[in-house]
């Protein structure tokens, strides 16, 4: 029975993502974002539970990628599609550029499954963090409608985040195998600083959290052992 628990949690991730997609297509982007957060919670715990129960499997890994493709690949593409639809440059074709995020998320997940370098950390921005950033935009738009309504900015965000997804930048994973400060110092520092930013700025903090995540990753791996050349 216990071997099914991690897969059940992964399926909850997928289920939450599907509900988020429904709300995103209806234009209720903030509600969709809450379901993305819920998907992220399930995604965080499925691997942890699998390790605790010692029931990791190939099927579980593939199921996790399929669930992530829905929750953190298709869903952020829809959100960007909807934001571009109401941006300051009206075009019947422009919004479809939002699905470039979906395409590059798929490439990133496929690469992750076959890249031997990514057993503990990531090469390229992970899809949940990218999706969290995309989902923060509808909330930021409430206070800064002209900024988030800029077509140029949205297209630039689409291009930059798509590049980051498949880049060779090494990013530390936020999943914990234990709670040791020594082994997880960079993760704790990131989480503490992120909590401070979110408390102060709420959803407007998410872009800064993303930049912080990348900068800390670059600094962390510059002073630790270099990346090996095995894998893709």
Protein backbone atom coordinates (compact mmCIF):
# COMPACT_ATOMS: atom_id res chain seq x y z
CA UNK A 1 0.00 0.00 0.00
CA UNK A 2 2.74 2.46 0.93
CA UNK A 3 4.28 2.31 -2.56
CA UNK A 4 1.16 4.00 -3.94
CA UNK A 5 1.28 6.98 -1.55
CA UNK A 6 3.89 9.07 -3.45
CA UNK A 7 2.10 8.48 -6.77
CA UNK A 8 -1.19 9.51 -5.16
CA UNK A 9 0.41 12.79 -4.08
CA UNK A 10 1.75 13.28 -7.61
CA UNK A 11 -1.74 12.69 -8.97
CA UNK A 12 -3.03 15.36 -6.58
CA UNK A 13 -0.50 17.71 -8.19
CA UNK A 14 -1.92 16.81 -11.61
CA UNK A 15 -5.51 17.17 -10.42
CA UNK A 16 -4.83 20.63 -8.97
CA UNK A 17 -3.15 21.66 -12.20
CA UNK A 18 -6.17 20.57 -14.23
CA UNK A 19 -8.49 22.67 -12.07
CA UNK A 20 -6.11 25.61 -12.41
CA UNK A 21 -6.26 25.26 -16.20
CA UNK A 22 -10.06 25.50 -16.15
CA UNK A 23 -9.91 28.76 -14.19
CA UNK A 24 -7.11 30.10 -16.41
CA UNK A 25 -9.16 29.52 -19.57
CA UNK A 26 -12.04 31.35 -17.89
CA UNK A 27 -9.73 34.31 -17.27
CA UNK A 28 -9.75 33.85 -13.49
CA UNK A 29 -5.96 33.98 -13.31
CA UNK A 30 -5.60 34.65 -9.61
CA UNK A 31 -7.71 31.62 -8.75
CA UNK A 32 -5.64 29.57 -11.19
CA UNK A 33 -2.50 30.76 -9.39
CA UNK A 34 -3.75 29.40 -6.08
CA UNK A 35 -4.13 25.97 -7.64
CA UNK A 36 -0.58 26.27 -8.99
CA UNK A 37 0.60 26.87 -5.43
CA UNK A 38 -1.35 23.80 -4.32
CA UNK A 39 0.26 21.78 -7.10
CA UNK A 40 3.64 23.03 -5.92
CA UNK A 41 2.95 21.81 -2.40
CA UNK A 42 2.08 18.33 -3.69
CA UNK A 43 5.13 18.37 -5.97
CA UNK A 44 7.36 19.24 -3.02
CA UNK A 45 6.12 16.36 -0.89
CA UNK A 46 5.79 13.48 -3.38
CA UNK A 47 9.54 12.98 -3.74
CA UNK A 48 10.13 13.48 -0.03
CA UNK A 49 7.54 10.86 0.86
CA UNK A 50 9.00 8.45 -1.73
CA UNK A 51 12.43 8.81 -0.13
CA UNK A 52 11.08 8.44 3.40
CA UNK A 53 9.15 5.29 2.48
CA UNK A 54 11.99 4.06 0.23
CA UNK A 55 9.57 3.41 -2.64
CA UNK A 56 11.13 5.38 -5.49
CA UNK A 57 10.29 4.00 -8.93
CA UNK A 58 10.72 4.73 -12.65
CA UNK A 59 6.95 5.02 -13.01
CA UNK A 60 6.87 7.58 -10.23
CA UNK A 61 9.53 9.67 -11.96
CA UNK A 62 7.67 9.61 -15.28
CA UNK A 63 4.34 10.35 -13.59
CA UNK A 64 5.93 13.31 -11.80
CA UNK A 65 7.14 14.75 -15.12
CA UNK A 66 3.72 14.28 -16.73
CA UNK A 67 2.01 16.01 -13.81
CA UNK A 68 4.57 18.83 -13.91
CA UNK A 69 3.98 19.27 -17.63
CA UNK A 70 0.33 20.05 -16.91
CA UNK A 71 0.71 22.11 -13.74
CA UNK A 72 4.01 23.84 -14.53
CA UNK A 73 4.11 23.68 -18.32
CA UNK A 74 0.67 24.03 -19.87
CA UNK A 75 -0.86 26.16 -17.12
CA UNK A 76 1.74 28.99 -17.15
CA UNK A 77 1.45 29.05 -20.94
CA UNK A 78 -2.28 29.68 -20.62
CA UNK A 79 -1.73 32.42 -18.06
CA UNK A 80 0.74 34.19 -20.36
CA UNK A 81 -1.69 33.69 -23.27
CA UNK A 82 -4.44 35.43 -21.27
CA UNK A 83 -2.14 38.28 -20.20
CA UNK A 84 -1.07 38.90 -23.79
CA UNK A 85 -4.72 38.94 -24.89
CA UNK A 86 -5.35 42.04 -22.79
CA UNK A 87 -1.95 43.69 -23.26
CA UNK A 88 -1.50 47.09 -24.89
CA UNK A 89 -0.83 45.71 -28.38
CA UNK A 90 -3.90 44.02 -29.78
CA UNK A 91 -3.35 41.20 -32.25
CA UNK A 92 -5.30 37.97 -32.77
CA UNK A 93 -2.06 35.99 -33.08
CA UNK A 94 0.26 37.55 -30.51
CA UNK A 95 -1.21 35.79 -27.42
CA UNK A 96 -0.17 32.39 -28.79
CA UNK A 97 3.43 33.35 -28.05
CA UNK A 98 2.58 32.54 -24.43
CA UNK A 99 2.67 28.85 -25.26
CA UNK A 100 6.39 29.13 -26.01
CA UNK A 101 6.69 28.75 -22.23
CA UNK A 102 4.83 25.44 -22.51
CA UNK A 103 7.14 24.23 -25.29
CA UNK A 104 10.32 25.08 -23.39
CA UNK A 105 8.89 23.60 -20.18
CA UNK A 106 8.44 20.33 -22.06
CA UNK A 107 12.04 20.51 -23.31
CA UNK A 108 13.24 21.25 -19.80
CA UNK A 109 11.36 18.28 -18.28
CA UNK A 110 12.56 15.92 -21.02
CA UNK A 111 16.12 17.06 -20.44
CA UNK A 112 15.76 16.58 -16.68
CA UNK A 113 14.63 12.98 -17.09
CA UNK A 114 17.66 12.09 -19.20
CA UNK A 115 20.43 14.31 -17.83
CA UNK A 116 22.59 12.39 -15.34
CA UNK A 117 23.89 15.68 -13.93
CA UNK A 118 20.49 16.52 -12.43
CA UNK A 119 20.17 13.83 -9.77
CA UNK A 120 20.51 16.30 -6.88
CA UNK A 121 20.32 19.78 -8.39
CA UNK A 122 19.01 21.33 -11.61
CA UNK A 123 20.59 22.45 -14.85
CA UNK A 124 18.35 25.30 -15.94
CA UNK A 125 15.48 26.91 -14.06
CA UNK A 126 13.04 24.35 -12.66
CA UNK A 127 9.47 24.54 -13.95
CA UNK A 128 7.71 25.07 -10.56
CA UNK A 129 9.77 28.18 -9.80
CA UNK A 130 9.22 29.54 -13.30
CA UNK A 131 5.48 28.92 -13.01
CA UNK A 132 5.32 30.62 -9.62
CA UNK A 133 6.87 33.70 -11.22
CA UNK A 134 4.44 33.67 -14.17
CA UNK A 135 1.50 33.23 -11.80
CA UNK A 136 2.55 36.24 -9.75
CA UNK A 137 2.01 38.56 -12.74
CA UNK A 138 -1.83 38.74 -12.51
CA UNK A 139 -1.51 39.78 -8.84
CA UNK A 140 1.14 42.40 -9.61
CA UNK A 141 -1.10 43.70 -12.41
CA UNK A 142 -3.66 44.81 -9.83
CA UNK A 143 -1.29 47.49 -8.52
CA UNK A 144 0.78 47.99 -11.69
CA UNK A 145 -1.62 47.46 -14.62
CA UNK A 146 0.42 49.54 -17.09
CA UNK A 147 3.59 47.59 -16.33
CA UNK A 148 2.11 44.09 -16.60
CA UNK A 149 -0.06 45.29 -19.49
CA UNK A 150 3.01 46.03 -21.57
CA UNK A 151 3.23 43.67 -24.54
CA UNK A 152 6.97 44.25 -24.85
CA UNK A 153 7.52 43.28 -21.21
CA UNK A 154 5.36 40.15 -21.47
CA UNK A 155 7.10 38.99 -24.64
CA UNK A 156 10.46 39.68 -23.00
CA UNK A 157 9.43 37.65 -19.93
CA UNK A 158 8.33 34.81 -22.20
CA UNK A 159 11.66 34.81 -24.04
CA UNK A 160 13.86 35.15 -20.95
CA UNK A 161 12.10 32.51 -18.86
CA UNK A 162 12.03 30.09 -21.80
CA UNK A 163 15.79 30.54 -22.18
CA UNK A 164 16.36 30.02 -18.45
CA UNK A 165 14.39 26.75 -18.53
CA UNK A 166 16.84 25.13 -20.96
CA UNK A 167 19.97 27.06 -19.99
CA UNK A 168 23.12 25.51 -18.51
CA UNK A 169 22.81 27.54 -15.30
CA UNK A 170 23.13 25.23 -12.30
CA UNK A 171 20.28 25.73 -9.81
CA UNK A 172 20.05 24.16 -6.36
CA UNK A 173 17.02 22.03 -5.59
CA UNK A 174 14.64 23.09 -2.81
CA UNK A 175 13.76 19.52 -1.87
CA UNK A 176 15.22 18.36 1.45
CA UNK A 177 16.57 14.88 2.19
CA UNK A 178 17.20 15.98 5.81
CA UNK A 179 17.01 19.12 7.95
CA UNK A 180 20.73 19.55 8.59
CA UNK A 181 21.79 23.23 8.50
CA UNK A 182 25.25 22.32 7.23
CA UNK A 183 23.96 20.32 4.29
CA UNK A 184 21.09 22.67 3.45
CA UNK A 185 22.49 26.07 4.40
CA UNK A 186 21.91 27.67 1.00
CA UNK A 187 18.31 26.43 0.96
CA UNK A 188 17.56 27.79 4.42
CA UNK A 189 19.14 31.15 3.56
CA UNK A 190 17.05 31.36 0.41
CA UNK A 191 13.82 30.44 2.21
CA UNK A 192 14.45 32.95 5.01
CA UNK A 193 15.24 35.81 2.62
CA UNK A 194 12.25 34.87 0.45
CA UNK A 195 9.94 34.90 3.47
CA UNK A 196 11.16 38.39 4.36
CA UNK A 197 10.59 39.63 0.80
CA UNK A 198 7.13 38.08 0.54
CA UNK A 199 6.11 39.48 3.94
CA UNK A 200 7.18 42.95 2.84
CA UNK A 201 6.02 42.96 -0.78
CA UNK A 202 3.54 40.06 -1.04
CA UNK A 203 3.14 38.87 -4.65
CA UNK A 204 5.29 41.73 -5.94
CA UNK A 205 8.20 39.97 -4.22
CA UNK A 206 8.10 36.91 -6.49
CA UNK A 207 10.21 38.43 -9.32
CA UNK A 208 12.82 39.39 -6.71
CA UNK A 209 12.63 35.89 -5.23
CA UNK A 210 13.33 34.44 -8.68
CA UNK A 211 16.35 36.69 -9.18
CA UNK A 212 17.56 35.84 -5.66
CA UNK A 213 17.20 32.12 -6.42
CA UNK A 214 19.32 32.37 -9.53
CA UNK A 215 21.98 34.62 -7.95
CA UNK A 216 22.34 32.42 -4.86
CA UNK A 217 22.59 29.35 -7.09
CA UNK A 218 25.36 30.92 -9.18
CA UNK A 219 27.25 32.00 -6.05
CA UNK A 220 26.76 28.64 -4.34
CA UNK A 221 28.07 26.54 -7.21
CA UNK A 222 30.95 28.90 -7.96
CA UNK A 223 32.40 28.18 -4.53
CA UNK A 224 31.51 24.48 -4.51
CA UNK A 225 32.70 21.68 -6.76
CA UNK A 226 32.41 22.42 -10.51
CA UNK A 227 29.79 20.80 -12.69
CA UNK A 228 30.89 17.57 -14.35
CA UNK A 229 30.55 17.16 -18.09
CA UNK A 230 28.67 13.86 -17.96
CA UNK A 231 25.12 13.72 -19.31
CA UNK A 232 23.56 15.90 -22.02
